Amino acid sequence: MSSARQKLLKELLWSLPILLVLYVGVYITLSCLGGYFFNQSGKVRYRSMGLAVSDISTWNPKGCRFQYRFKTPGENTSAAAMIWVTCSPL
């Protein structure tokens, strides 16, 4: 193996733990600053307009909105903010 490859591998091995620590730090910070929010399940709707009513309270990390099952007319979908998609541990 050439010395350039060894140097690249060594830098990569040092950067992975640093990135992991940064990820965990951001995750913990967002989790600590999170809170409960009123959301709509989609199951309860106003009769005249068909708009969903806020009927559930869910906990979310700061800036990360995610709802696993939102019932739209005819199907169940998920709703998420972009930060949740990028930072989700799933």
PDB file of N, CA and C in Angstrom:
ATOM      1  N   MET A   1       0.856  -1.172   0.000  1.00  0.00           N
ATOM      2  CA  MET A   1       0.000   0.000   0.000  1.00  0.00           C
ATOM      3  C   MET A   1       0.904   1.238   0.000  1.00  0.00           C
ATOM      4  N   SER A   2       0.590   2.216  -0.810  1.00  0.00           N
ATOM      5  CA  SER A   2       1.413   3.413  -0.903  1.00  0.00           C
ATOM      6  C   SER A   2       1.203   4.298   0.313  1.00  0.00           C
ATOM      7  N   SER A   3       2.143   5.185   0.517  1.00  0.00           N
ATOM      8  CA  SER A   3       2.051   6.066   1.686  1.00  0.00           C
ATOM      9  C   SER A   3       0.891   7.048   1.548  1.00  0.00           C
ATOM     10  N   ALA A   4       0.532   7.411   0.319  1.00  0.00           N
ATOM     11  CA  ALA A   4      -0.606   8.310   0.122  1.00  0.00           C
ATOM     12  C   ALA A   4      -1.909   7.628   0.555  1.00  0.00           C
ATOM     13  N   ARG A   5      -2.032   6.350   0.233  1.00  0.00           N
ATOM     14  CA  ARG A   5      -3.230   5.612   0.660  1.00  0.00           C
ATOM     15  C   ARG A   5      -3.259   5.436   2.172  1.00  0.00           C
ATOM     16  N   GLN A   6      -2.102   5.167   2.750  1.00  0.00           N
ATOM     17  CA  GLN A   6      -2.036   5.018   4.207  1.00  0.00           C
ATOM     18  C   GLN A   6      -2.416   6.324   4.894  1.00  0.00           C
ATOM     19  N   LYS A   7      -1.947   7.435   4.347  1.00  0.00           N
ATOM     20  CA  LYS A   7      -2.272   8.738   4.928  1.00  0.00           C
ATOM     21  C   LYS A   7      -3.775   9.011   4.820  1.00  0.00           C
ATOM     22  N   LEU A   8      -4.356   8.704   3.662  1.00  0.00           N
ATOM     23  CA  LEU A   8      -5.791   8.896   3.464  1.00  0.00           C
ATOM     24  C   LEU A   8      -6.605   8.017   4.414  1.00  0.00           C
ATOM     25  N   LEU A   9      -6.184   6.772   4.568  1.00  0.00           N
ATOM     26  CA  LEU A   9      -6.878   5.858   5.476  1.00  0.00           C
ATOM     27  C   LEU A   9      -6.773   6.337   6.916  1.00  0.00           C
ATOM     28  N   LYS A  10      -5.602   6.833   7.287  1.00  0.00           N
ATOM     29  CA  LYS A  10      -5.407   7.338   8.648  1.00  0.00           C
ATOM     30  C   LYS A  10      -6.290   8.555   8.905  1.00  0.00           C
ATOM     31  N   GLU A  11      -6.390   9.465   7.938  1.00  0.00           N
ATOM     32  CA  GLU A  11      -7.251  10.639   8.088  1.00  0.00           C
ATOM     33  C   GLU A  11      -8.722  10.242   8.170  1.00  0.00           C
ATOM     34  N   LEU A  12      -9.102   9.274   7.377  1.00  0.00           N
ATOM     35  CA  LEU A  12     -10.473   8.793   7.411  1.00  0.00           C
ATOM     36  C   LEU A  12     -10.804   8.164   8.763  1.00  0.00           C
ATOM     37  N   LEU A  13      -9.896   7.366   9.283  1.00  0.00           N
ATOM     38  CA  LEU A  13     -10.120   6.733  10.585  1.00  0.00           C
ATOM     39  C   LEU A  13     -10.184   7.755  11.715  1.00  0.00           C
ATOM     40  N   TRP A  14      -9.512   8.882  11.573  1.00  0.00           N
ATOM     41  CA  TRP A  14      -9.605   9.937  12.582  1.00  0.00           C
ATOM     42  C   TRP A  14     -10.878  10.760  12.419  1.00  0.00           C
ATOM     43  N   SER A  15     -11.338  10.927  11.185  1.00  0.00           N
ATOM     44  CA  SER A  15     -12.506  11.779  10.969  1.00  0.00           C
ATOM     45  C   SER A  15     -13.825  11.095  11.345  1.00  0.00           C
ATOM     46  N   LEU A  16     -13.916   9.788  11.207  1.00  0.00           N
ATOM     47  CA  LEU A  16     -15.161   9.092  11.534  1.00  0.00           C
ATOM     48  C   LEU A  16     -15.575   9.254  12.995  1.00  0.00           C
ATOM     49  N   PRO A  17     -14.686   9.045  13.973  1.00  0.00           N
ATOM     50  CA  PRO A  17     -15.100   9.269  15.372  1.00  0.00           C
ATOM     51  C   PRO A  17     -15.472  10.719  15.655  1.00  0.00           C
ATOM     52  N   ILE A  18     -14.779  11.652  14.999  1.00  0.00           N
ATOM     53  CA  ILE A  18     -15.097  13.071  15.204  1.00  0.00           C
ATOM     54  C   ILE A  18     -16.498  13.369  14.679  1.00  0.00           C
ATOM     55  N   LEU A  19     -16.824  12.865  13.498  1.00  0.00           N
ATOM     56  CA  LEU A  19     -18.164  13.060  12.942  1.00  0.00           C
ATOM     57  C   LEU A  19     -19.231  12.394  13.805  1.00  0.00           C
ATOM     58  N   LEU A  20     -18.930  11.238  14.346  1.00  0.00           N
ATOM     59  CA  LEU A  20     -19.871  10.542  15.222  1.00  0.00           C
ATOM     60  C   LEU A  20     -20.135  11.357  16.488  1.00  0.00           C
ATOM     61  N   VAL A  21     -19.086  11.911  17.077  1.00  0.00           N
ATOM     62  CA  VAL A  21     -19.241  12.736  18.282  1.00  0.00           C
ATOM     63  C   VAL A  21     -20.058  13.985  17.961  1.00  0.00           C
ATOM     64  N   LEU A  22     -19.812  14.620  16.811  1.00  0.00           N
ATOM     65  CA  LEU A  22     -20.593  15.790  16.415  1.00  0.00           C
ATOM     66  C   LEU A  22     -22.069  15.434  16.225  1.00  0.00           C
ATOM     67  N   TYR A  23     -22.321  14.314  15.556  1.00  0.00           N
ATOM     68  CA  TYR A  23     -23.697  13.875  15.328  1.00  0.00           C
ATOM     69  C   TYR A  23     -24.420  13.635  16.657  1.00  0.00           C
ATOM     70  N   VAL A  24     -23.781  12.906  17.553  1.00  0.00           N
ATOM     71  CA  VAL A  24     -24.395  12.607  18.854  1.00  0.00           C
ATOM     72  C   VAL A  24     -24.606  13.897  19.642  1.00  0.00           C
ATOM     73  N   GLY A  25     -23.660  14.824  19.577  1.00  0.00           N
ATOM     74  CA  GLY A  25     -23.797  16.099  20.282  1.00  0.00           C
ATOM     75  C   GLY A  25     -24.982  16.906  19.773  1.00  0.00           C
ATOM     76  N   VAL A  26     -25.140  16.983  18.467  1.00  0.00           N
ATOM     77  CA  VAL A  26     -26.277  17.699  17.892  1.00  0.00           C
ATOM     78  C   VAL A  26     -27.581  16.998  18.248  1.00  0.00           C
ATOM     79  N   TYR A  27     -27.580  15.676  18.190  1.00  0.00           N
ATOM     80  CA  TYR A  27     -28.783  14.908  18.515  1.00  0.00           C
ATOM     81  C   TYR A  27     -29.205  15.142  19.973  1.00  0.00           C
ATOM     82  N   ILE A  28     -28.251  15.106  20.882  1.00  0.00           N
ATOM     83  CA  ILE A  28     -28.561  15.323  22.306  1.00  0.00           C
ATOM     84  C   ILE A  28     -29.053  16.747  22.533  1.00  0.00           C
ATOM     85  N   THR A  29     -28.402  17.726  21.894  1.00  0.00           N
ATOM     86  CA  THR A  29     -28.808  19.119  22.055  1.00  0.00           C
ATOM     87  C   THR A  29     -30.228  19.343  21.552  1.00  0.00           C
ATOM     88  N   LEU A  30     -30.533  18.844  20.359  1.00  0.00           N
ATOM     89  CA  LEU A  30     -31.882  19.007  19.818  1.00  0.00           C
ATOM     90  C   LEU A  30     -32.912  18.276  20.667  1.00  0.00           C
ATOM     91  N   SER A  31     -32.537  17.124  21.217  1.00  0.00           N
ATOM     92  CA  SER A  31     -33.459  16.374  22.073  1.00  0.00           C
ATOM     93  C   SER A  31     -33.749  17.117  23.370  1.00  0.00           C
ATOM     94  N   CYS A  32     -32.726  17.714  23.956  1.00  0.00           N
ATOM     95  CA  CYS A  32     -32.911  18.449  25.212  1.00  0.00           C
ATOM     96  C   CYS A  32     -33.752  19.711  25.025  1.00  0.00           C
ATOM     97  N   LEU A  33     -33.685  20.321  23.855  1.00  0.00           N
ATOM     98  CA  LEU A  33     -34.426  21.548  23.592  1.00  0.00           C
ATOM     99  C   LEU A  33     -35.808  21.284  22.990  1.00  0.00           C
ATOM    100  N   GLY A  34     -36.178  20.041  22.818  1.00  0.00           N
ATOM    101  CA  GLY A  34     -37.461  19.685  22.205  1.00  0.00           C
ATOM    102  C   GLY A  34     -38.634  19.940  23.118  1.00  0.00           C
ATOM    103  N   GLY A  35     -39.807  19.636  22.625  1.00  0.00           N
ATOM    104  CA  GLY A  35     -41.010  19.843  23.413  1.00  0.00           C
ATOM    105  C   GLY A  35     -42.211  19.163  22.785  1.00  0.00           C
ATOM    106  N   TYR A  36     -43.359  19.357  23.432  1.00  0.00           N
ATOM    107  CA  TYR A  36     -44.615  18.779  22.944  1.00  0.00           C
ATOM    108  C   TYR A  36     -45.315  19.771  22.016  1.00  0.00           C
ATOM    109  N   PHE A  37     -45.904  19.252  20.953  1.00  0.00           N
ATOM    110  CA  PHE A  37     -46.613  20.068  19.982  1.00  0.00           C
ATOM    111  C   PHE A  37     -47.952  19.414  19.658  1.00  0.00           C
ATOM    112  N   PHE A  38     -48.954  20.267  19.395  1.00  0.00           N
ATOM    113  CA  PHE A  38     -50.248  19.757  18.956  1.00  0.00           C
ATOM    114  C   PHE A  38     -50.162  19.438  17.470  1.00  0.00           C
ATOM    115  N   ASN A  39     -50.628  18.280  17.102  1.00  0.00           N
ATOM    116  CA  ASN A  39     -50.636  17.827  15.708  1.00  0.00           C
ATOM    117  C   ASN A  39     -52.002  17.285  15.346  1.00  0.00           C
ATOM    118  N   GLN A  40     -52.164  17.041  14.073  1.00  0.00           N
ATOM    119  CA  GLN A  40     -53.397  16.454  13.581  1.00  0.00           C
ATOM    120  C   GLN A  40     -53.137  15.005  13.195  1.00  0.00           C
ATOM    121  N   SER A  41     -53.991  14.130  13.656  1.00  0.00           N
ATOM    122  CA  SER A  41     -53.877  12.731  13.244  1.00  0.00           C
ATOM    123  C   SER A  41     -54.547  12.508  11.890  1.00  0.00           C
ATOM    124  N   GLY A  42     -55.427  13.401  11.518  1.00  0.00           N
ATOM    125  CA  GLY A  42     -56.163  13.258  10.272  1.00  0.00           C
ATOM    126  C   GLY A  42     -57.438  12.448  10.435  1.00  0.00           C
ATOM    127  N   LYS A  43     -57.631  11.876  11.618  1.00  0.00           N
ATOM    128  CA  LYS A  43     -58.828  11.066  11.860  1.00  0.00           C
ATOM    129  C   LYS A  43     -60.036  11.921  12.220  1.00  0.00           C
ATOM    130  N   VAL A  44     -59.782  13.076  12.846  1.00  0.00           N
ATOM    131  CA  VAL A  44     -60.865  13.977  13.239  1.00  0.00           C
ATOM    132  C   VAL A  44     -60.811  15.186  12.313  1.00  0.00           C
ATOM    133  N   ARG A  45     -61.920  15.478  11.649  1.00  0.00           N
ATOM    134  CA  ARG A  45     -61.958  16.578  10.683  1.00  0.00           C
ATOM    135  C   ARG A  45     -63.202  17.427  10.895  1.00  0.00           C
ATOM    136  N   TYR A  46     -63.068  18.722  10.540  1.00  0.00           N
ATOM    137  CA  TYR A  46     -64.238  19.600  10.538  1.00  0.00           C
ATOM    138  C   TYR A  46     -65.202  19.101   9.473  1.00  0.00           C
ATOM    139  N   ARG A  47     -66.444  19.070   9.818  1.00  0.00           N
ATOM    140  CA  ARG A  47     -67.444  18.496   8.912  1.00  0.00           C
ATOM    141  C   ARG A  47     -67.632  19.335   7.644  1.00  0.00           C
ATOM    142  N   SER A  48     -67.654  20.638   7.794  1.00  0.00           N
ATOM    143  CA  SER A  48     -67.983  21.471   6.636  1.00  0.00           C
ATOM    144  C   SER A  48     -66.814  21.634   5.663  1.00  0.00           C
ATOM    145  N   MET A  49     -65.581  21.703   6.166  1.00  0.00           N
ATOM    146  CA  MET A  49     -64.452  21.988   5.282  1.00  0.00           C
ATOM    147  C   MET A  49     -63.535  20.790   5.056  1.00  0.00           C
ATOM    148  N   GLY A  50     -63.590  19.796   5.903  1.00  0.00           N
ATOM    149  CA  GLY A  50     -62.720  18.641   5.756  1.00  0.00           C
ATOM    150  C   GLY A  50     -61.307  18.859   6.257  1.00  0.00           C
ATOM    151  N   LEU A  51     -61.057  19.974   6.955  1.00  0.00           N
ATOM    152  CA  LEU A  51     -59.723  20.233   7.500  1.00  0.00           C
ATOM    153  C   LEU A  51     -59.499  19.405   8.756  1.00  0.00           C
ATOM    154  N   ALA A  52     -58.274  18.943   8.958  1.00  0.00           N
ATOM    155  CA  ALA A  52     -57.950  18.138  10.135  1.00  0.00           C
ATOM    156  C   ALA A  52     -57.929  18.997  11.393  1.00  0.00           C
ATOM    157  N   VAL A  53     -58.355  18.415  12.502  1.00  0.00           N
ATOM    158  CA  VAL A  53     -58.388  19.068  13.805  1.00  0.00           C
ATOM    159  C   VAL A  53     -57.161  18.630  14.600  1.00  0.00           C
ATOM    160  N   SER A  54     -56.556  19.562  15.349  1.00  0.00           N
ATOM    161  CA  SER A  54     -55.442  19.189  16.232  1.00  0.00           C
ATOM    162  C   SER A  54     -55.999  18.343  17.361  1.00  0.00           C
ATOM    163  N   ASP A  55     -55.699  17.050  17.331  1.00  0.00           N
ATOM    164  CA  ASP A  55     -56.280  16.141  18.307  1.00  0.00           C
ATOM    165  C   ASP A  55     -55.250  15.285  19.034  1.00  0.00           C
ATOM    166  N   ILE A  56     -53.958  15.428  18.724  1.00  0.00           N
ATOM    167  CA  ILE A  56     -52.929  14.667  19.428  1.00  0.00           C
ATOM    168  C   ILE A  56     -51.789  15.600  19.822  1.00  0.00           C
ATOM    169  N   SER A  57     -51.082  15.212  20.849  1.00  0.00           N
ATOM    170  CA  SER A  57     -49.907  15.953  21.291  1.00  0.00           C
ATOM    171  C   SER A  57     -48.705  15.022  21.184  1.00  0.00           C
ATOM    172  N   THR A  58     -47.679  15.446  20.455  1.00  0.00           N
ATOM    173  CA  THR A  58     -46.498  14.611  20.255  1.00  0.00           C
ATOM    174  C   THR A  58     -45.249  15.366  20.682  1.00  0.00           C
ATOM    175  N   TRP A  59     -44.243  14.620  21.127  1.00  0.00           N
ATOM    176  CA  TRP A  59     -42.962  15.215  21.500  1.00  0.00           C
ATOM    177  C   TRP A  59     -42.020  15.123  20.309  1.00  0.00           C
ATOM    178  N   ASN A  60     -41.336  16.228  20.021  1.00  0.00           N
ATOM    179  CA  ASN A  60     -40.379  16.273  18.922  1.00  0.00           C
ATOM    180  C   ASN A  60     -39.132  17.019  19.355  1.00  0.00           C
ATOM    181  N   PRO A  61     -37.968  16.635  18.848  1.00  0.00           N
ATOM    182  CA  PRO A  61     -36.754  17.423  19.098  1.00  0.00           C
ATOM    183  C   PRO A  61     -36.897  18.813  18.491  1.00  0.00           C
ATOM    184  N   LYS A  62     -36.090  19.761  18.951  1.00  0.00           N
ATOM    185  CA  LYS A  62     -36.132  21.144  18.478  1.00  0.00           C
ATOM    186  C   LYS A  62     -35.975  21.196  16.960  1.00  0.00           C
ATOM    187  N   GLY A  63     -36.918  21.826  16.283  1.00  0.00           N
ATOM    188  CA  GLY A  63     -36.855  22.004  14.839  1.00  0.00           C
ATOM    189  C   GLY A  63     -37.145  20.769  14.019  1.00  0.00           C
ATOM    190  N   CYS A  64     -37.463  19.667  14.655  1.00  0.00           N
ATOM    191  CA  CYS A  64     -37.687  18.407  13.945  1.00  0.00           C
ATOM    192  C   CYS A  64     -39.139  17.988  14.124  1.00  0.00           C
ATOM    193  N   ARG A  65     -39.910  18.142  13.101  1.00  0.00           N
ATOM    194  CA  ARG A  65     -41.306  17.725  13.167  1.00  0.00           C
ATOM    195  C   ARG A  65     -41.466  16.442  12.381  1.00  0.00           C
ATOM    196  N   PHE A  66     -42.041  15.442  13.011  1.00  0.00           N
ATOM    197  CA  PHE A  66     -42.288  14.178  12.328  1.00  0.00           C
ATOM    198  C   PHE A  66     -43.580  13.584  12.833  1.00  0.00           C
ATOM    199  N   GLN A  67     -44.357  13.075  11.927  1.00  0.00           N
ATOM    200  CA  GLN A  67     -45.596  12.396  12.284  1.00  0.00           C
ATOM    201  C   GLN A  67     -45.654  11.114  11.478  1.00  0.00           C
ATOM    202  N   TYR A  68     -45.655   9.993  12.180  1.00  0.00           N
ATOM    203  CA  TYR A  68     -45.571   8.695  11.526  1.00  0.00           C
ATOM    204  C   TYR A  68     -46.769   8.411  10.648  1.00  0.00           C
ATOM    205  N   ARG A  69     -47.957   8.546  11.193  1.00  0.00           N
ATOM    206  CA  ARG A  69     -49.163   8.243  10.416  1.00  0.00           C
ATOM    207  C   ARG A  69     -50.106   9.425  10.438  1.00  0.00           C
ATOM    208  N   PHE A  70     -50.240  10.037   9.294  1.00  0.00           N
ATOM    209  CA  PHE A  70     -51.217  11.102   9.108  1.00  0.00           C
ATOM    210  C   PHE A  70     -52.226  10.600   8.095  1.00  0.00           C
ATOM    211  N   LYS A  71     -53.475  10.574   8.489  1.00  0.00           N
ATOM    212  CA  LYS A  71     -54.516  10.017   7.613  1.00  0.00           C
ATOM    213  C   LYS A  71     -55.032  11.105   6.679  1.00  0.00           C
ATOM    214  N   THR A  72     -54.699  10.955   5.415  1.00  0.00           N
ATOM    215  CA  THR A  72     -55.275  11.821   4.393  1.00  0.00           C
ATOM    216  C   THR A  72     -56.467  11.083   3.804  1.00  0.00           C
ATOM    217  N   PRO A  73     -57.339  11.777   3.122  1.00  0.00           N
ATOM    218  CA  PRO A  73     -58.471  11.058   2.525  1.00  0.00           C
ATOM    219  C   PRO A  73     -57.992   9.940   1.601  1.00  0.00           C
ATOM    220  N   GLY A  74     -58.199   8.715   2.028  1.00  0.00           N
ATOM    221  CA  GLY A  74     -57.877   7.571   1.199  1.00  0.00           C
ATOM    222  C   GLY A  74     -56.586   6.848   1.527  1.00  0.00           C
ATOM    223  N   GLU A  75     -55.664   7.455   2.273  1.00  0.00           N
ATOM    224  CA  GLU A  75     -54.404   6.767   2.554  1.00  0.00           C
ATOM    225  C   GLU A  75     -53.743   7.317   3.820  1.00  0.00           C
ATOM    226  N   ASN A  76     -52.783   6.560   4.353  1.00  0.00           N
ATOM    227  CA  ASN A  76     -51.954   7.020   5.467  1.00  0.00           C
ATOM    228  C   ASN A  76     -50.600   7.425   4.922  1.00  0.00           C
ATOM    229  N   THR A  77     -50.096   8.580   5.359  1.00  0.00           N
ATOM    230  CA  THR A  77     -48.798   9.057   4.922  1.00  0.00           C
ATOM    231  C   THR A  77     -47.984   9.492   6.127  1.00  0.00           C
ATOM    232  N   SER A  78     -46.731   9.845   5.916  1.00  0.00           N
ATOM    233  CA  SER A  78     -45.881  10.417   6.956  1.00  0.00           C
ATOM    234  C   SER A  78     -45.609  11.864   6.603  1.00  0.00           C
ATOM    235  N   ALA A  79     -45.409  12.681   7.623  1.00  0.00           N
ATOM    236  CA  ALA A  79     -45.073  14.083   7.421  1.00  0.00           C
ATOM    237  C   ALA A  79     -43.826  14.382   8.240  1.00  0.00           C
ATOM    238  N   ALA A  80     -42.812  14.991   7.613  1.00  0.00           N
ATOM    239  CA  ALA A  80     -41.568  15.264   8.325  1.00  0.00           C
ATOM    240  C   ALA A  80     -40.930  16.542   7.824  1.00  0.00           C
ATOM    241  N   ALA A  81     -40.216  17.238   8.727  1.00  0.00           N
ATOM    242  CA  ALA A  81     -39.401  18.379   8.337  1.00  0.00           C
ATOM    243  C   ALA A  81     -38.061  17.863   7.825  1.00  0.00           C
ATOM    244  N   MET A  82     -37.386  18.630   6.995  1.00  0.00           N
ATOM    245  CA  MET A  82     -36.140  18.175   6.373  1.00  0.00           C
ATOM    246  C   MET A  82     -35.073  17.858   7.418  1.00  0.00           C
ATOM    247  N   ILE A  83     -34.977  18.623   8.501  1.00  0.00           N
ATOM    248  CA  ILE A  83     -33.955  18.353   9.506  1.00  0.00           C
ATOM    249  C   ILE A  83     -34.181  16.988  10.148  1.00  0.00           C
ATOM    250  N   TRP A  84     -35.442  16.585  10.280  1.00  0.00           N
ATOM    251  CA  TRP A  84     -35.719  15.265  10.839  1.00  0.00           C
ATOM    252  C   TRP A  84     -35.214  14.170   9.904  1.00  0.00           C
ATOM    253  N   VAL A  85     -35.436  14.361   8.637  1.00  0.00           N
ATOM    254  CA  VAL A  85     -35.016  13.365   7.654  1.00  0.00           C
ATOM    255  C   VAL A  85     -33.497  13.217   7.667  1.00  0.00           C
ATOM    256  N   THR A  86     -32.767  14.321   7.799  1.00  0.00           N
ATOM    257  CA  THR A  86     -31.297  14.250   7.777  1.00  0.00           C
ATOM    258  C   THR A  86     -30.708  13.801   9.098  1.00  0.00           C
ATOM    259  N   CYS A  87     -31.389  14.053  10.208  1.00  0.00           N
ATOM    260  CA  CYS A  87     -30.826  13.741  11.530  1.00  0.00           C
ATOM    261  C   CYS A  87     -31.467  12.535  12.192  1.00  0.00           C
ATOM    262  N   SER A  88     -32.399  11.909  11.558  1.00  0.00           N
ATOM    263  CA  SER A  88     -33.101  10.799  12.153  1.00  0.00           C
ATOM    264  C   SER A  88     -32.170   9.611  12.399  1.00  0.00           C
ATOM    265  N   PRO A  89     -32.248   9.001  13.576  1.00  0.00           N
ATOM    266  CA  PRO A  89     -31.410   7.841  13.845  1.00  0.00           C
ATOM    267  C   PRO A  89     -31.922   6.577  13.173  1.00  0.00           C
ATOM    268  N   LEU A  90     -33.080   6.625  12.558  1.00  0.00           N
ATOM    269  CA  LEU A  90     -33.656   5.436  11.923  1.00  0.00           C
ATOM    270  C   LEU A  90     -33.045   5.153  10.587  1.00  0.00           C
TER     271      LEU A  90
END
